[in-house]
Amino acid sequence: MAVITANSDNFEAEVLNSDKPVIVDFNAAWCGPCKMLGPVIEELSDEREDIKFVSVDIDEEDILAEDHDVSSIPCLVAFKDGKEIGRSIGIVPKSEITALVEG
């Protein structure tokens, strides 16, 4: 499954109303660590059909970033049943990323 790009128009449908756990990658095109984490998120999206992976560009969607208290990037926020269940800031190993939803 590919990483889905989310914005203020589809965030509720793709993330908050998702029938499976979601990991949202808040990032920016100019962010070096975000560029390093991006391929890991892509790889996980191919490996884990049970988790939805969503990308939000904070420069294009600053209100979404603000609404979810994102002040540092890369920031991964895990959601289940429309509620935040975990958060990670910076570059983390694949196992820590999936652990956000496995709790």
C-alpha atoms as a PDB file:
ATOM      1  CA  MET A   1       0.000   0.000   0.000  1.00  0.00           C
ATOM      2  CA  ALA A   2       1.386   3.407  -0.920  1.00  0.00           C
ATOM      3  CA  VAL A   3       1.808   6.314   1.457  1.00  0.00           C
ATOM      4  CA  ILE A   4      -1.219   8.592   1.178  1.00  0.00           C
ATOM      5  CA  THR A   5      -0.778  12.361   1.044  1.00  0.00           C
ATOM      6  CA  ALA A   6      -3.166  14.040   3.437  1.00  0.00           C
ATOM      7  CA  ASN A   7      -4.377  17.612   3.635  1.00  0.00           C
ATOM      8  CA  SER A   8      -7.064  19.492   5.489  1.00  0.00           C
ATOM      9  CA  ASP A   9      -9.661  18.251   2.993  1.00  0.00           C
ATOM     10  CA  ASN A  10      -9.048  14.517   3.444  1.00  0.00           C
ATOM     11  CA  PHE A  11      -7.364  14.226   6.884  1.00  0.00           C
ATOM     12  CA  GLU A  12     -10.568  13.316   8.696  1.00  0.00           C
ATOM     13  CA  ALA A  13     -11.492  10.611   6.173  1.00  0.00           C
ATOM     14  CA  GLU A  14      -7.986   9.166   5.778  1.00  0.00           C
ATOM     15  CA  VAL A  15      -6.848   9.366   9.408  1.00  0.00           C
ATOM     16  CA  LEU A  16      -9.559  10.002  11.957  1.00  0.00           C
ATOM     17  CA  ASN A  17     -12.177   7.774  10.307  1.00  0.00           C
ATOM     18  CA  SER A  18      -9.779   5.036   9.183  1.00  0.00           C
ATOM     19  CA  ASP A  19     -10.782   1.449   9.920  1.00  0.00           C
ATOM     20  CA  LYS A  20      -7.144   0.553  10.629  1.00  0.00           C
ATOM     21  CA  PRO A  21      -4.372   2.176  12.671  1.00  0.00           C
ATOM     22  CA  VAL A  22      -2.698   5.133  10.960  1.00  0.00           C
ATOM     23  CA  ILE A  23       0.811   6.556  11.249  1.00  0.00           C
ATOM     24  CA  VAL A  24       0.990  10.153  10.072  1.00  0.00           C
ATOM     25  CA  ASP A  25       4.391  11.446   8.983  1.00  0.00           C
ATOM     26  CA  PHE A  26       4.472  15.222   9.496  1.00  0.00           C
ATOM     27  CA  ASN A  27       7.373  16.440   7.359  1.00  0.00           C
ATOM     28  CA  ALA A  28       8.704  19.154   5.032  1.00  0.00           C
ATOM     29  CA  ALA A  29      10.541  19.062   1.702  1.00  0.00           C
ATOM     30  CA  TRP A  30      13.490  21.077   3.088  1.00  0.00           C
ATOM     31  CA  CYS A  31      14.009  18.814   6.130  1.00  0.00           C
ATOM     32  CA  GLY A  32      17.063  16.530   5.818  1.00  0.00           C
ATOM     33  CA  PRO A  33      15.991  14.035   8.508  1.00  0.00           C
ATOM     34  CA  CYS A  34      12.519  13.896   6.893  1.00  0.00           C
ATOM     35  CA  LYS A  35      14.150  12.921   3.594  1.00  0.00           C
ATOM     36  CA  MET A  36      16.007  10.135   5.406  1.00  0.00           C
ATOM     37  CA  LEU A  37      12.860   8.849   7.118  1.00  0.00           C
ATOM     38  CA  GLY A  38      10.675   9.013   3.985  1.00  0.00           C
ATOM     39  CA  PRO A  39      12.042   5.839   2.334  1.00  0.00           C
ATOM     40  CA  VAL A  40      11.608   3.926   5.613  1.00  0.00           C
ATOM     41  CA  ILE A  41       7.947   4.976   5.739  1.00  0.00           C
ATOM     42  CA  GLU A  42       7.529   3.938   2.072  1.00  0.00           C
ATOM     43  CA  GLU A  43       9.098   0.548   2.822  1.00  0.00           C
ATOM     44  CA  LEU A  44       6.841   0.001   5.825  1.00  0.00           C
ATOM     45  CA  SER A  45       3.780   0.930   3.791  1.00  0.00           C
ATOM     46  CA  ASP A  46       4.656  -1.908   1.395  1.00  0.00           C
ATOM     47  CA  GLU A  47       5.351  -4.384   4.218  1.00  0.00           C
ATOM     48  CA  ARG A  48       2.436  -3.649   6.566  1.00  0.00           C
ATOM     49  CA  GLU A  49      -1.014  -3.866   5.007  1.00  0.00           C
ATOM     50  CA  ASP A  50      -2.537  -3.649   8.510  1.00  0.00           C
ATOM     51  CA  ILE A  51      -1.322  -0.062   9.034  1.00  0.00           C
ATOM     52  CA  LYS A  52      -2.159   2.983   6.922  1.00  0.00           C
ATOM     53  CA  PHE A  53       0.707   5.426   6.349  1.00  0.00           C
ATOM     54  CA  VAL A  54      -0.081   9.066   5.647  1.00  0.00           C
ATOM     55  CA  SER A  55       2.205  11.988   4.852  1.00  0.00           C
ATOM     56  CA  VAL A  56       1.472  15.631   5.743  1.00  0.00           C
ATOM     57  CA  ASP A  57       3.704  18.451   4.479  1.00  0.00           C
ATOM     58  CA  ILE A  58       3.708  20.989   7.311  1.00  0.00           C
ATOM     59  CA  ASP A  59       4.522  23.879   4.966  1.00  0.00           C
ATOM     60  CA  GLU A  60       1.394  23.204   2.930  1.00  0.00           C
ATOM     61  CA  GLU A  61      -0.747  22.143   5.911  1.00  0.00           C
ATOM     62  CA  ASP A  62       0.419  24.342   8.778  1.00  0.00           C
ATOM     63  CA  ILE A  63      -3.036  24.311  10.402  1.00  0.00           C
ATOM     64  CA  LEU A  64      -3.017  20.484  10.573  1.00  0.00           C
ATOM     65  CA  ALA A  65       0.448  20.577  12.121  1.00  0.00           C
ATOM     66  CA  GLU A  66      -0.691  23.165  14.643  1.00  0.00           C
ATOM     67  CA  ASP A  67      -3.894  21.245  15.430  1.00  0.00           C
ATOM     68  CA  HIS A  68      -1.802  18.178  16.284  1.00  0.00           C
ATOM     69  CA  ASP A  69       0.871  20.028  18.277  1.00  0.00           C
ATOM     70  CA  VAL A  70       3.666  19.307  15.811  1.00  0.00           C
ATOM     71  CA  SER A  71       6.582  21.597  16.656  1.00  0.00           C
ATOM     72  CA  SER A  72       9.537  19.477  15.486  1.00  0.00           C
ATOM     73  CA  ILE A  73       9.920  17.314  12.384  1.00  0.00           C
ATOM     74  CA  PRO A  74      10.019  14.608  11.369  1.00  0.00           C
ATOM     75  CA  CYS A  75       7.141  13.818  13.692  1.00  0.00           C
ATOM     76  CA  LEU A  76       5.246  10.548  13.500  1.00  0.00           C
ATOM     77  CA  VAL A  77       1.823  10.496  15.142  1.00  0.00           C
ATOM     78  CA  ALA A  78      -0.101   7.238  15.466  1.00  0.00           C
ATOM     79  CA  PHE A  79      -3.900   7.201  15.467  1.00  0.00           C
ATOM     80  CA  LYS A  80      -6.378   4.451  16.222  1.00  0.00           C
ATOM     81  CA  ASP A  81     -10.141   4.924  16.180  1.00  0.00           C
ATOM     82  CA  GLY A  82      -9.618   8.650  15.594  1.00  0.00           C
ATOM     83  CA  LYS A  83      -7.483   9.159  18.703  1.00  0.00           C
ATOM     84  CA  GLU A  84      -3.751   9.736  19.062  1.00  0.00           C
ATOM     85  CA  ILE A  85      -2.109   6.672  20.616  1.00  0.00           C
ATOM     86  CA  GLY A  86       1.581   7.403  20.131  1.00  0.00           C
ATOM     87  CA  ARG A  87       4.150   9.912  18.924  1.00  0.00           C
ATOM     88  CA  SER A  88       7.774   9.913  17.865  1.00  0.00           C
ATOM     89  CA  ILE A  89      10.062  12.798  16.917  1.00  0.00           C
ATOM     90  CA  GLY A  90      13.191  12.462  14.821  1.00  0.00           C
ATOM     91  CA  ILE A  91      14.628   9.494  12.997  1.00  0.00           C
ATOM     92  CA  VAL A  92      13.716   6.186  14.595  1.00  0.00           C
ATOM     93  CA  PRO A  93      14.203   2.531  13.570  1.00  0.00           C
ATOM     94  CA  LYS A  94      11.454   0.673  11.719  1.00  0.00           C
ATOM     95  CA  SER A  95      10.620  -1.378  14.789  1.00  0.00           C
ATOM     96  CA  GLU A  96       9.903   1.774  16.818  1.00  0.00           C
ATOM     97  CA  ILE A  97       7.668   3.129  14.074  1.00  0.00           C
ATOM     98  CA  THR A  98       5.395   0.087  14.008  1.00  0.00           C
ATOM     99  CA  ALA A  99       5.486  -0.107  17.818  1.00  0.00           C
ATOM    100  CA  LEU A 100       3.601   3.205  17.876  1.00  0.00           C
ATOM    101  CA  VAL A 101       0.410   1.375  16.868  1.00  0.00           C
ATOM    102  CA  GLU A 102       1.168  -1.978  18.448  1.00  0.00           C
ATOM    103  CA  GLY A 103       1.353  -0.399  21.826  1.00  0.00           C
END
